[in-house]
Amino acid sequence: MMHLMDLWVVSMITRNIKKLWQGKYASVRDTDLRLGIHKGGIKLQHNGESMNLSNEQCETLLVVNKDKPQNMYQSKFKGRYFLVDVEWKPLTHDERQGALL
């Protein structure tokens, strides 16, 4: 039997982070944040650790960084994007494991 929390995690998109900027910031493309808003959030993974961003957090990050001067990058495949730095705060427990009562 699936729980509601399992459905929330399954619908999120997953992005792997190769390296952290200054050892504590994950850079996420604005296009991934926009997709995360519609898919229920983003799961970021780095060195066996993971961090979740809800769709509300994705939207807030886009709004806050929208007016800042950004370096636009050309995608290898299509379009342009800018990077948003998110402080890396990995989960301290496995989100698939339920809480003890």
C-alpha atoms as a PDB file:
ATOM      1  CA  MET A   1       0.000   0.000   0.000  1.00  0.00           C
ATOM      2  CA  MET A   2       1.403   3.395  -1.000  1.00  0.00           C
ATOM      3  CA  HIS A   3       1.195   6.346   1.316  1.00  0.00           C
ATOM      4  CA  LEU A   4       0.537   9.927   0.257  1.00  0.00           C
ATOM      5  CA  MET A   5       4.155  10.844   1.113  1.00  0.00           C
ATOM      6  CA  ASP A   6       5.404   8.125  -1.267  1.00  0.00           C
ATOM      7  CA  LEU A   7       3.378   9.639  -4.115  1.00  0.00           C
ATOM      8  CA  TRP A   8       4.812  13.081  -3.356  1.00  0.00           C
ATOM      9  CA  VAL A   9       8.388  11.819  -3.531  1.00  0.00           C
ATOM     10  CA  VAL A  10       7.745   9.755  -6.677  1.00  0.00           C
ATOM     11  CA  SER A  11       6.343  12.699  -8.631  1.00  0.00           C
ATOM     12  CA  MET A  12       9.365  14.922  -7.878  1.00  0.00           C
ATOM     13  CA  ILE A  13      12.092  15.260 -10.504  1.00  0.00           C
ATOM     14  CA  THR A  14      15.611  14.143  -9.582  1.00  0.00           C
ATOM     15  CA  ARG A  15      18.795  16.002 -10.456  1.00  0.00           C
ATOM     16  CA  ASN A  16      22.337  14.882  -9.674  1.00  0.00           C
ATOM     17  CA  ILE A  17      24.778  17.532  -8.496  1.00  0.00           C
ATOM     18  CA  LYS A  18      28.372  16.794  -9.519  1.00  0.00           C
ATOM     19  CA  LYS A  19      30.046  19.321  -7.248  1.00  0.00           C
ATOM     20  CA  LEU A  20      29.127  21.948  -4.682  1.00  0.00           C
ATOM     21  CA  TRP A  21      30.235  25.550  -5.117  1.00  0.00           C
ATOM     22  CA  GLN A  22      32.403  26.575  -2.128  1.00  0.00           C
ATOM     23  CA  GLY A  23      31.524  23.192  -0.646  1.00  0.00           C
ATOM     24  CA  LYS A  24      28.042  24.308   0.424  1.00  0.00           C
ATOM     25  CA  TYR A  25      25.972  25.509  -2.555  1.00  0.00           C
ATOM     26  CA  ALA A  26      24.243  23.429  -5.226  1.00  0.00           C
ATOM     27  CA  SER A  27      23.660  25.209  -8.528  1.00  0.00           C
ATOM     28  CA  VAL A  28      20.259  24.435 -10.079  1.00  0.00           C
ATOM     29  CA  ARG A  29      19.070  25.556 -13.509  1.00  0.00           C
ATOM     30  CA  ASP A  30      16.057  27.872 -13.611  1.00  0.00           C
ATOM     31  CA  THR A  31      14.457  25.474 -16.115  1.00  0.00           C
ATOM     32  CA  ASP A  32      14.689  22.666 -13.528  1.00  0.00           C
ATOM     33  CA  LEU A  33      13.083  24.914 -10.902  1.00  0.00           C
ATOM     34  CA  ARG A  34      10.207  25.692 -13.287  1.00  0.00           C
ATOM     35  CA  LEU A  35       9.736  21.981 -13.969  1.00  0.00           C
ATOM     36  CA  GLY A  36       9.894  21.286 -10.222  1.00  0.00           C
ATOM     37  CA  ILE A  37       7.029  23.703  -9.615  1.00  0.00           C
ATOM     38  CA  HIS A  38       4.781  21.591 -11.864  1.00  0.00           C
ATOM     39  CA  LYS A  39       6.093  18.174 -10.775  1.00  0.00           C
ATOM     40  CA  GLY A  40       5.838  18.630  -6.996  1.00  0.00           C
ATOM     41  CA  GLY A  41       9.437  19.629  -6.294  1.00  0.00           C
ATOM     42  CA  ILE A  42      13.021  18.568  -6.947  1.00  0.00           C
ATOM     43  CA  LYS A  43      15.168  15.918  -5.319  1.00  0.00           C
ATOM     44  CA  LEU A  44      18.858  16.904  -5.477  1.00  0.00           C
ATOM     45  CA  GLN A  45      21.489  14.175  -5.017  1.00  0.00           C
ATOM     46  CA  HIS A  46      25.203  14.572  -4.303  1.00  0.00           C
ATOM     47  CA  ASN A  47      27.722  11.942  -3.086  1.00  0.00           C
ATOM     48  CA  GLY A  48      25.045   9.557  -1.808  1.00  0.00           C
ATOM     49  CA  GLU A  49      23.173  12.298   0.083  1.00  0.00           C
ATOM     50  CA  SER A  50      19.920  13.905  -1.002  1.00  0.00           C
ATOM     51  CA  MET A  51      17.990  17.100  -0.430  1.00  0.00           C
ATOM     52  CA  ASN A  52      14.383  17.876  -1.348  1.00  0.00           C
ATOM     53  CA  LEU A  53      12.976  21.190  -2.551  1.00  0.00           C
ATOM     54  CA  SER A  54       9.185  21.523  -2.514  1.00  0.00           C
ATOM     55  CA  ASN A  55       7.363  23.213  -5.379  1.00  0.00           C
ATOM     56  CA  GLU A  56       6.806  26.246  -3.111  1.00  0.00           C
ATOM     57  CA  GLN A  57      10.549  26.481  -2.445  1.00  0.00           C
ATOM     58  CA  CYS A  58      11.245  26.235  -6.199  1.00  0.00           C
ATOM     59  CA  GLU A  59       8.815  29.060  -6.872  1.00  0.00           C
ATOM     60  CA  THR A  60      10.325  31.242  -4.117  1.00  0.00           C
ATOM     61  CA  LEU A  61      13.854  30.674  -5.458  1.00  0.00           C
ATOM     62  CA  LEU A  62      12.745  31.735  -8.946  1.00  0.00           C
ATOM     63  CA  VAL A  63      10.965  34.871  -7.713  1.00  0.00           C
ATOM     64  CA  VAL A  64      13.884  35.962  -5.507  1.00  0.00           C
ATOM     65  CA  ASN A  65      16.499  35.395  -8.234  1.00  0.00           C
ATOM     66  CA  LYS A  66      14.409  36.684 -11.164  1.00  0.00           C
ATOM     67  CA  ASP A  67      15.491  40.326 -10.810  1.00  0.00           C
ATOM     68  CA  LYS A  68      19.136  39.716  -9.924  1.00  0.00           C
ATOM     69  CA  PRO A  69      21.629  40.185 -12.746  1.00  0.00           C
ATOM     70  CA  GLN A  70      22.257  36.691 -14.087  1.00  0.00           C
ATOM     71  CA  ASN A  71      24.752  35.152 -16.424  1.00  0.00           C
ATOM     72  CA  MET A  72      22.726  33.420 -19.093  1.00  0.00           C
ATOM     73  CA  TYR A  73      24.169  30.184 -20.449  1.00  0.00           C
ATOM     74  CA  GLN A  74      23.459  28.562 -23.796  1.00  0.00           C
ATOM     75  CA  SER A  75      22.263  24.971 -23.519  1.00  0.00           C
ATOM     76  CA  LYS A  76      23.980  22.349 -25.679  1.00  0.00           C
ATOM     77  CA  PHE A  77      20.596  21.258 -26.957  1.00  0.00           C
ATOM     78  CA  LYS A  78      18.067  24.090 -26.852  1.00  0.00           C
ATOM     79  CA  GLY A  79      17.413  27.407 -25.163  1.00  0.00           C
ATOM     80  CA  ARG A  80      19.132  29.467 -22.502  1.00  0.00           C
ATOM     81  CA  TYR A  81      19.171  29.165 -18.705  1.00  0.00           C
ATOM     82  CA  PHE A  82      20.604  30.743 -15.560  1.00  0.00           C
ATOM     83  CA  LEU A  83      21.818  29.087 -12.374  1.00  0.00           C
ATOM     84  CA  VAL A  84      20.327  29.520  -8.907  1.00  0.00           C
ATOM     85  CA  ASP A  85      22.540  28.626  -5.928  1.00  0.00           C
ATOM     86  CA  VAL A  86      20.811  26.681  -3.152  1.00  0.00           C
ATOM     87  CA  GLU A  87      22.461  26.071   0.203  1.00  0.00           C
ATOM     88  CA  TRP A  88      23.152  22.344   0.484  1.00  0.00           C
ATOM     89  CA  LYS A  89      21.247  20.872   3.454  1.00  0.00           C
ATOM     90  CA  PRO A  90      21.095  17.093   3.013  1.00  0.00           C
ATOM     91  CA  LEU A  91      18.375  15.032   4.652  1.00  0.00           C
ATOM     92  CA  THR A  92      19.422  13.542   7.980  1.00  0.00           C
ATOM     93  CA  HIS A  93      17.034  10.582   7.611  1.00  0.00           C
ATOM     94  CA  ASP A  94      15.696   8.434   4.825  1.00  0.00           C
ATOM     95  CA  GLU A  95      12.429   9.957   3.567  1.00  0.00           C
ATOM     96  CA  ARG A  96      11.086   6.468   2.709  1.00  0.00           C
ATOM     97  CA  GLN A  97      11.192   5.429   6.380  1.00  0.00           C
ATOM     98  CA  GLY A  98       8.179   6.333   8.489  1.00  0.00           C
ATOM     99  CA  ALA A  99       8.359   8.177  11.801  1.00  0.00           C
ATOM    100  CA  LEU A 100       8.077   6.333  15.086  1.00  0.00           C
ATOM    101  CA  LEU A 101       5.048   7.146  17.191  1.00  0.00           C
END
